[in-house]
Amino acid sequence: MNELEHEPRSWWSKNWKWVVPVGGCFTIIVLGILLLGTAIFGFFSSVKSSTGADEILIMAQNNPRVIELLGEPIEKDGFGNYSIKINNGEKTSEVSLPIKGPKSEATLKVKSSGSDYNRVYEVFEIYIEETGELIDLKDSLE
């Protein structure tokens, strides 16, 4: 008697009919999410850099009065609120950035206008939440 030998089928040969469409759809969904996340991150990074948030944080970190009240190191404590308005080439930006140090927490508020190279600060102040003190840093810019 000549019997046909039956070889066991591999996992791929059993399951390729559902793996290919599901895997392809999953790959497209993951790539779409990554692309969308990259676009959103890029947009918010450009808004943040246009407001000068990093520069004003460095100025606040180097101010002796702020160091005295918050301690060192002073760092961001969240995302903050950023707003930019451009009207006929004139840029106006507003930033509200929560900051913290070892001693206390505060909110850094800045309103500025002009270009990146010729920025005029209308408001540059830090509100210490624990004491309710308001520090005007506009004078330290000059």
N, C-alpha and C. Protein backbone atom coordinates (compact mmCIF):
# COMPACT_ATOMS: atom_id res chain seq x y z
N MET A 1 0.82 -1.17 0.00
CA MET A 1 0.00 0.00 0.00
C MET A 1 0.87 1.25 0.00
N ASN A 2 0.47 2.09 -0.86
CA ASN A 2 1.24 3.31 -0.99
C ASN A 2 0.44 4.47 -0.40
N GLU A 3 0.83 4.87 0.75
CA GLU A 3 0.09 5.95 1.40
C GLU A 3 0.78 7.28 1.12
N LEU A 4 -0.04 8.30 0.91
CA LEU A 4 0.51 9.64 0.73
C LEU A 4 0.89 10.20 2.10
N GLU A 5 2.08 10.67 2.14
CA GLU A 5 2.51 11.26 3.41
C GLU A 5 1.96 12.69 3.48
N HIS A 6 1.39 13.02 4.60
CA HIS A 6 0.81 14.35 4.80
C HIS A 6 1.76 15.18 5.66
N GLU A 7 2.36 16.19 5.06
CA GLU A 7 3.25 17.07 5.81
C GLU A 7 2.42 18.14 6.49
N PRO A 8 2.74 18.46 7.73
CA PRO A 8 1.99 19.54 8.39
C PRO A 8 2.28 20.88 7.70
N ARG A 9 1.22 21.66 7.59
CA ARG A 9 1.36 22.97 6.94
C ARG A 9 1.97 23.97 7.92
N SER A 10 2.70 24.92 7.40
CA SER A 10 3.32 25.95 8.24
C SER A 10 2.27 26.96 8.70
N TRP A 11 2.64 27.72 9.70
CA TRP A 11 1.72 28.74 10.22
C TRP A 11 1.37 29.74 9.13
N TRP A 12 2.35 30.15 8.34
CA TRP A 12 2.12 31.14 7.28
C TRP A 12 1.15 30.61 6.23
N SER A 13 1.31 29.38 5.84
CA SER A 13 0.42 28.84 4.80
C SER A 13 -1.01 28.68 5.31
N LYS A 14 -1.19 28.53 6.59
CA LYS A 14 -2.54 28.43 7.16
C LYS A 14 -3.19 29.80 7.34
N ASN A 15 -2.39 30.85 7.64
CA ASN A 15 -2.97 32.12 8.09
C ASN A 15 -2.72 33.31 7.17
N TRP A 16 -2.07 33.16 6.05
CA TRP A 16 -1.71 34.31 5.23
C TRP A 16 -2.92 35.07 4.71
N LYS A 17 -4.07 34.41 4.55
CA LYS A 17 -5.24 35.06 3.98
C LYS A 17 -5.82 36.15 4.90
N TRP A 18 -5.62 36.05 6.19
CA TRP A 18 -6.10 37.11 7.09
C TRP A 18 -4.96 37.99 7.59
N VAL A 19 -3.72 37.48 7.60
CA VAL A 19 -2.59 38.27 8.08
C VAL A 19 -2.27 39.43 7.14
N VAL A 20 -2.30 39.18 5.83
CA VAL A 20 -1.93 40.21 4.86
C VAL A 20 -2.87 41.41 4.93
N PRO A 21 -4.21 41.23 4.85
CA PRO A 21 -5.06 42.43 4.91
C PRO A 21 -5.03 43.12 6.28
N VAL A 22 -5.06 42.35 7.35
CA VAL A 22 -5.06 42.96 8.69
C VAL A 22 -3.74 43.66 8.94
N GLY A 23 -2.63 43.01 8.61
CA GLY A 23 -1.32 43.62 8.81
C GLY A 23 -1.13 44.86 7.97
N GLY A 24 -1.63 44.82 6.73
CA GLY A 24 -1.52 46.00 5.86
C GLY A 24 -2.33 47.17 6.40
N CYS A 25 -3.55 46.91 6.83
CA CYS A 25 -4.39 47.97 7.39
C CYS A 25 -3.79 48.52 8.67
N PHE A 26 -3.28 47.63 9.51
CA PHE A 26 -2.66 48.07 10.76
C PHE A 26 -1.44 48.95 10.48
N THR A 27 -0.64 48.57 9.50
CA THR A 27 0.53 49.36 9.14
C THR A 27 0.13 50.74 8.65
N ILE A 28 -0.89 50.82 7.82
CA ILE A 28 -1.36 52.11 7.30
C ILE A 28 -1.88 52.98 8.44
N ILE A 29 -2.62 52.39 9.37
CA ILE A 29 -3.15 53.16 10.51
C ILE A 29 -2.01 53.69 11.38
N VAL A 30 -1.02 52.85 11.68
CA VAL A 30 0.11 53.28 12.51
C VAL A 30 0.90 54.39 11.81
N LEU A 31 1.16 54.25 10.51
CA LEU A 31 1.88 55.29 9.78
C LEU A 31 1.09 56.59 9.75
N GLY A 32 -0.23 56.50 9.61
CA GLY A 32 -1.07 57.70 9.64
C GLY A 32 -1.02 58.41 10.98
N ILE A 33 -1.06 57.66 12.05
CA ILE A 33 -0.98 58.25 13.39
C ILE A 33 0.38 58.91 13.60
N LEU A 34 1.44 58.25 13.17
CA LEU A 34 2.78 58.83 13.30
C LEU A 34 2.91 60.12 12.48
N LEU A 35 2.38 60.12 11.28
CA LEU A 35 2.44 61.31 10.43
C LEU A 35 1.65 62.46 11.05
N LEU A 36 0.46 62.17 11.55
CA LEU A 36 -0.35 63.20 12.19
C LEU A 36 0.33 63.74 13.44
N GLY A 37 0.89 62.84 14.26
CA GLY A 37 1.60 63.28 15.47
C GLY A 37 2.80 64.15 15.14
N THR A 38 3.54 63.80 14.09
CA THR A 38 4.69 64.61 13.68
C THR A 38 4.25 65.99 13.22
N ALA A 39 3.16 66.04 12.46
CA ALA A 39 2.66 67.34 11.99
C ALA A 39 2.20 68.22 13.15
N ILE A 40 1.49 67.64 14.10
CA ILE A 40 1.02 68.42 15.26
C ILE A 40 2.20 68.89 16.10
N PHE A 41 3.17 68.02 16.34
CA PHE A 41 4.35 68.41 17.11
C PHE A 41 5.12 69.52 16.41
N GLY A 42 5.27 69.42 15.10
CA GLY A 42 5.96 70.46 14.34
C GLY A 42 5.25 71.80 14.40
N PHE A 43 3.92 71.77 14.33
CA PHE A 43 3.15 73.02 14.41
C PHE A 43 3.33 73.69 15.76
N PHE A 44 3.17 72.91 16.84
CA PHE A 44 3.29 73.51 18.16
C PHE A 44 4.72 73.96 18.45
N SER A 45 5.70 73.27 17.93
CA SER A 45 7.09 73.70 18.11
C SER A 45 7.35 75.02 17.41
N SER A 46 6.78 75.20 16.22
CA SER A 46 6.99 76.46 15.51
C SER A 46 6.26 77.62 16.21
N VAL A 47 5.07 77.35 16.75
CA VAL A 47 4.36 78.40 17.50
C VAL A 47 5.15 78.78 18.74
N LYS A 48 5.65 77.78 19.46
CA LYS A 48 6.41 78.03 20.68
C LYS A 48 7.68 78.81 20.39
N SER A 49 8.39 78.46 19.32
CA SER A 49 9.63 79.18 19.01
C SER A 49 9.34 80.59 18.52
N SER A 50 8.20 80.80 17.88
CA SER A 50 7.84 82.13 17.40
C SER A 50 7.50 83.09 18.53
N THR A 51 7.06 82.56 19.66
CA THR A 51 6.72 83.42 20.80
C THR A 51 7.95 83.79 21.61
N GLY A 52 9.06 83.11 21.41
CA GLY A 52 10.27 83.39 22.18
C GLY A 52 10.21 82.82 23.58
N ALA A 53 9.44 81.76 23.78
CA ALA A 53 9.23 81.21 25.12
C ALA A 53 10.53 80.71 25.74
N ASP A 54 11.39 80.10 24.95
CA ASP A 54 12.65 79.59 25.51
C ASP A 54 13.56 80.73 25.98
N GLU A 55 13.58 81.82 25.21
CA GLU A 55 14.42 82.97 25.59
C GLU A 55 13.93 83.64 26.86
N ILE A 56 12.61 83.78 27.00
CA ILE A 56 12.10 84.44 28.21
C ILE A 56 12.26 83.55 29.43
N LEU A 57 12.21 82.24 29.23
CA LEU A 57 12.45 81.34 30.36
C LEU A 57 13.90 81.46 30.83
N ILE A 58 14.83 81.58 29.90
CA ILE A 58 16.25 81.75 30.27
C ILE A 58 16.45 83.07 31.01
N MET A 59 15.78 84.13 30.55
CA MET A 59 15.88 85.42 31.25
C MET A 59 15.34 85.32 32.67
N ALA A 60 14.23 84.61 32.84
CA ALA A 60 13.65 84.45 34.18
C ALA A 60 14.56 83.59 35.06
N GLN A 61 15.20 82.58 34.49
CA GLN A 61 16.09 81.70 35.26
C GLN A 61 17.34 82.44 35.74
N ASN A 62 17.70 83.52 35.07
CA ASN A 62 18.90 84.27 35.44
C ASN A 62 18.61 85.48 36.31
N ASN A 63 17.33 85.73 36.63
CA ASN A 63 16.98 86.89 37.43
C ASN A 63 17.18 86.57 38.92
N PRO A 64 17.96 87.41 39.64
CA PRO A 64 18.25 87.12 41.05
C PRO A 64 17.01 87.08 41.95
N ARG A 65 16.04 87.95 41.71
CA ARG A 65 14.84 87.98 42.55
C ARG A 65 14.01 86.70 42.35
N VAL A 66 13.90 86.25 41.13
CA VAL A 66 13.16 85.03 40.83
C VAL A 66 13.87 83.83 41.46
N ILE A 67 15.19 83.80 41.35
CA ILE A 67 15.97 82.72 41.96
C ILE A 67 15.77 82.70 43.47
N GLU A 68 15.73 83.89 44.07
CA GLU A 68 15.54 83.99 45.52
C GLU A 68 14.19 83.42 45.95
N LEU A 69 13.13 83.69 45.18
CA LEU A 69 11.79 83.25 45.57
C LEU A 69 11.48 81.80 45.17
N LEU A 70 11.99 81.36 44.03
CA LEU A 70 11.67 80.01 43.56
C LEU A 70 12.77 79.00 43.87
N GLY A 71 13.98 79.45 44.02
CA GLY A 71 15.11 78.54 44.19
C GLY A 71 15.65 78.10 42.84
N GLU A 72 16.69 77.31 42.89
CA GLU A 72 17.29 76.81 41.65
C GLU A 72 17.29 75.30 41.66
N PRO A 73 17.08 74.63 40.61
CA PRO A 73 16.86 75.11 39.24
C PRO A 73 15.40 75.50 39.00
N ILE A 74 15.22 76.46 38.12
CA ILE A 74 13.88 76.89 37.71
C ILE A 74 13.60 76.21 36.37
N GLU A 75 12.47 75.55 36.30
CA GLU A 75 12.13 74.82 35.07
C GLU A 75 10.66 74.95 34.75
N LYS A 76 10.30 74.58 33.53
CA LYS A 76 8.90 74.61 33.12
C LYS A 76 8.11 73.58 33.92
N ASP A 77 6.84 73.90 34.16
CA ASP A 77 5.97 73.00 34.91
C ASP A 77 4.71 72.72 34.11
N GLY A 78 4.86 72.32 32.87
CA GLY A 78 3.71 72.06 32.01
C GLY A 78 3.91 72.69 30.66
N PHE A 79 2.85 72.68 29.87
CA PHE A 79 2.94 73.16 28.50
C PHE A 79 2.80 74.66 28.38
N GLY A 80 1.89 75.25 29.09
CA GLY A 80 1.66 76.68 28.98
C GLY A 80 0.69 77.01 27.86
N ASN A 81 0.37 78.29 27.76
CA ASN A 81 -0.53 78.79 26.70
C ASN A 81 0.26 79.73 25.81
N TYR A 82 0.14 79.53 24.51
CA TYR A 82 0.85 80.34 23.54
C TYR A 82 -0.15 80.91 22.55
N SER A 83 0.01 82.18 22.21
CA SER A 83 -0.87 82.81 21.25
C SER A 83 -0.05 83.74 20.36
N ILE A 84 -0.26 83.63 19.06
CA ILE A 84 0.44 84.50 18.10
C ILE A 84 -0.59 85.10 17.17
N LYS A 85 -0.47 86.40 16.94
CA LYS A 85 -1.32 87.09 15.97
C LYS A 85 -0.40 87.85 15.03
N ILE A 86 -0.62 87.69 13.74
CA ILE A 86 0.17 88.40 12.74
C ILE A 86 -0.79 89.22 11.91
N ASN A 87 -0.57 90.55 11.89
CA ASN A 87 -1.42 91.47 11.16
C ASN A 87 -0.53 92.42 10.36
N ASN A 88 -0.56 92.30 9.05
CA ASN A 88 0.26 93.14 8.17
C ASN A 88 1.74 93.09 8.53
N GLY A 89 2.22 91.92 8.84
CA GLY A 89 3.64 91.75 9.15
C GLY A 89 4.01 92.07 10.59
N GLU A 90 3.09 92.60 11.37
CA GLU A 90 3.35 92.91 12.78
C GLU A 90 2.91 91.72 13.62
N LYS A 91 3.85 91.14 14.36
CA LYS A 91 3.56 89.95 15.15
C LYS A 91 3.35 90.35 16.61
N THR A 92 2.26 89.86 17.18
CA THR A 92 1.97 90.04 18.60
C THR A 92 1.86 88.64 19.21
N SER A 93 2.58 88.42 20.29
CA SER A 93 2.51 87.10 20.93
C SER A 93 2.24 87.25 22.42
N GLU A 94 1.56 86.25 22.95
CA GLU A 94 1.28 86.17 24.38
C GLU A 94 1.65 84.77 24.85
N VAL A 95 2.33 84.72 26.00
CA VAL A 95 2.75 83.45 26.57
C VAL A 95 2.39 83.45 28.04
N SER A 96 1.81 82.36 28.50
CA SER A 96 1.58 82.13 29.91
C SER A 96 2.18 80.77 30.22
N LEU A 97 3.29 80.76 30.94
CA LEU A 97 4.07 79.55 31.13
C LEU A 97 4.22 79.24 32.62
N PRO A 98 3.72 78.09 33.07
CA PRO A 98 3.92 77.71 34.47
C PRO A 98 5.37 77.28 34.68
N ILE A 99 5.99 77.80 35.73
CA ILE A 99 7.36 77.45 36.07
C ILE A 99 7.41 77.05 37.54
N LYS A 100 8.47 76.34 37.90
CA LYS A 100 8.60 75.93 39.30
C LYS A 100 10.07 75.85 39.68
N GLY A 101 10.28 75.98 40.97
CA GLY A 101 11.59 75.78 41.57
C GLY A 101 11.40 74.95 42.82
N PRO A 102 12.47 74.68 43.54
CA PRO A 102 12.33 73.88 44.76
C PRO A 102 11.51 74.55 45.86
N LYS A 103 11.48 75.89 45.86
CA LYS A 103 10.77 76.61 46.92
C LYS A 103 9.31 76.89 46.61
N SER A 104 8.97 77.16 45.35
CA SER A 104 7.62 77.60 45.03
C SER A 104 7.33 77.40 43.54
N GLU A 105 6.09 77.70 43.17
CA GLU A 105 5.65 77.65 41.79
C GLU A 105 5.21 79.04 41.37
N ALA A 106 5.26 79.31 40.06
CA ALA A 106 4.90 80.64 39.57
C ALA A 106 4.37 80.52 38.15
N THR A 107 3.85 81.64 37.64
CA THR A 107 3.40 81.73 36.26
C THR A 107 4.13 82.88 35.60
N LEU A 108 4.76 82.60 34.50
CA LEU A 108 5.49 83.60 33.72
C LEU A 108 4.56 84.09 32.62
N LYS A 109 4.28 85.39 32.59
CA LYS A 109 3.38 85.97 31.59
C LYS A 109 4.14 87.01 30.78
N VAL A 110 4.04 86.87 29.46
CA VAL A 110 4.74 87.78 28.56
C VAL A 110 3.81 88.14 27.41
N LYS A 111 3.76 89.44 27.11
CA LYS A 111 3.11 89.94 25.89
C LYS A 111 4.16 90.75 25.16
N SER A 112 4.36 90.41 23.90
CA SER A 112 5.37 91.13 23.12
C SER A 112 4.85 91.40 21.72
N SER A 113 5.49 92.34 21.06
CA SER A 113 5.13 92.66 19.68
C SER A 113 6.41 92.98 18.92
N GLY A 114 6.32 92.95 17.61
CA GLY A 114 7.47 93.22 16.77
C GLY A 114 8.00 91.94 16.16
N SER A 115 9.13 92.06 15.49
CA SER A 115 9.74 90.90 14.84
C SER A 115 10.61 90.14 15.84
N ASP A 116 11.15 89.01 15.39
CA ASP A 116 12.01 88.21 16.26
C ASP A 116 13.27 88.98 16.65
N TYR A 117 13.74 89.85 15.77
CA TYR A 117 14.98 90.59 16.02
C TYR A 117 14.76 91.94 16.70
N ASN A 118 13.53 92.43 16.66
CA ASN A 118 13.20 93.73 17.26
C ASN A 118 11.93 93.57 18.08
N ARG A 119 12.03 92.83 19.15
CA ARG A 119 10.87 92.51 19.98
C ARG A 119 10.72 93.54 21.09
N VAL A 120 9.49 94.02 21.29
CA VAL A 120 9.17 94.96 22.36
C VAL A 120 8.27 94.22 23.34
N TYR A 121 8.69 94.19 24.61
CA TYR A 121 7.92 93.50 25.64
C TYR A 121 6.98 94.49 26.30
N GLU A 122 5.69 94.22 26.19
CA GLU A 122 4.68 95.06 26.84
C GLU A 122 4.45 94.58 28.27
N VAL A 123 4.43 93.27 28.46
CA VAL A 123 4.28 92.65 29.78
C VAL A 123 5.33 91.56 29.89
N PHE A 124 6.07 91.59 30.98
CA PHE A 124 7.04 90.53 31.27
C PHE A 124 7.07 90.41 32.78
N GLU A 125 6.22 89.54 33.32
CA GLU A 125 6.08 89.46 34.76
C GLU A 125 5.93 88.02 35.22
N ILE A 126 6.23 87.82 36.48
CA ILE A 126 6.10 86.51 37.10
C ILE A 126 5.20 86.66 38.31
N TYR A 127 4.20 85.80 38.38
CA TYR A 127 3.27 85.81 39.50
C TYR A 127 3.59 84.60 40.37
N ILE A 128 4.03 84.86 41.61
CA ILE A 128 4.34 83.79 42.56
C ILE A 128 3.03 83.36 43.21
N GLU A 129 2.64 82.13 43.00
CA GLU A 129 1.32 81.68 43.45
C GLU A 129 1.22 81.58 44.96
N GLU A 130 2.27 81.15 45.61
CA GLU A 130 2.23 80.93 47.06
C GLU A 130 2.06 82.24 47.84
N THR A 131 2.78 83.27 47.45
CA THR A 131 2.74 84.55 48.17
C THR A 131 1.85 85.58 47.51
N GLY A 132 1.47 85.36 46.26
CA GLY A 132 0.67 86.35 45.54
C GLY A 132 1.50 87.53 45.04
N GLU A 133 2.81 87.41 45.09
CA GLU A 133 3.70 88.49 44.67
C GLU A 133 3.82 88.54 43.16
N LEU A 134 3.88 89.76 42.62
CA LEU A 134 4.04 89.97 41.19
C LEU A 134 5.38 90.65 40.95
N ILE A 135 6.24 90.00 40.17
CA ILE A 135 7.57 90.54 39.87
C ILE A 135 7.57 91.02 38.43
N ASP A 136 7.81 92.32 38.24
CA ASP A 136 7.88 92.89 36.90
C ASP A 136 9.32 92.80 36.40
N LEU A 137 9.53 92.01 35.36
CA LEU A 137 10.88 91.80 34.83
C LEU A 137 11.17 92.68 33.62
N LYS A 138 10.23 93.54 33.26
CA LYS A 138 10.43 94.39 32.09
C LYS A 138 11.62 95.31 32.26
N ASP A 139 11.86 95.79 33.47
CA ASP A 139 12.98 96.70 33.72
C ASP A 139 14.33 96.00 33.57
N SER A 140 14.38 94.69 33.81
CA SER A 140 15.64 93.97 33.71
C SER A 140 16.05 93.67 32.27
N LEU A 141 15.18 93.99 31.31
CA LEU A 141 15.48 93.74 29.90
C LEU A 141 16.42 94.79 29.34
N GLU A 142 16.44 95.96 29.91
CA GLU A 142 17.20 97.08 29.34
C GLU A 142 18.62 97.13 29.84
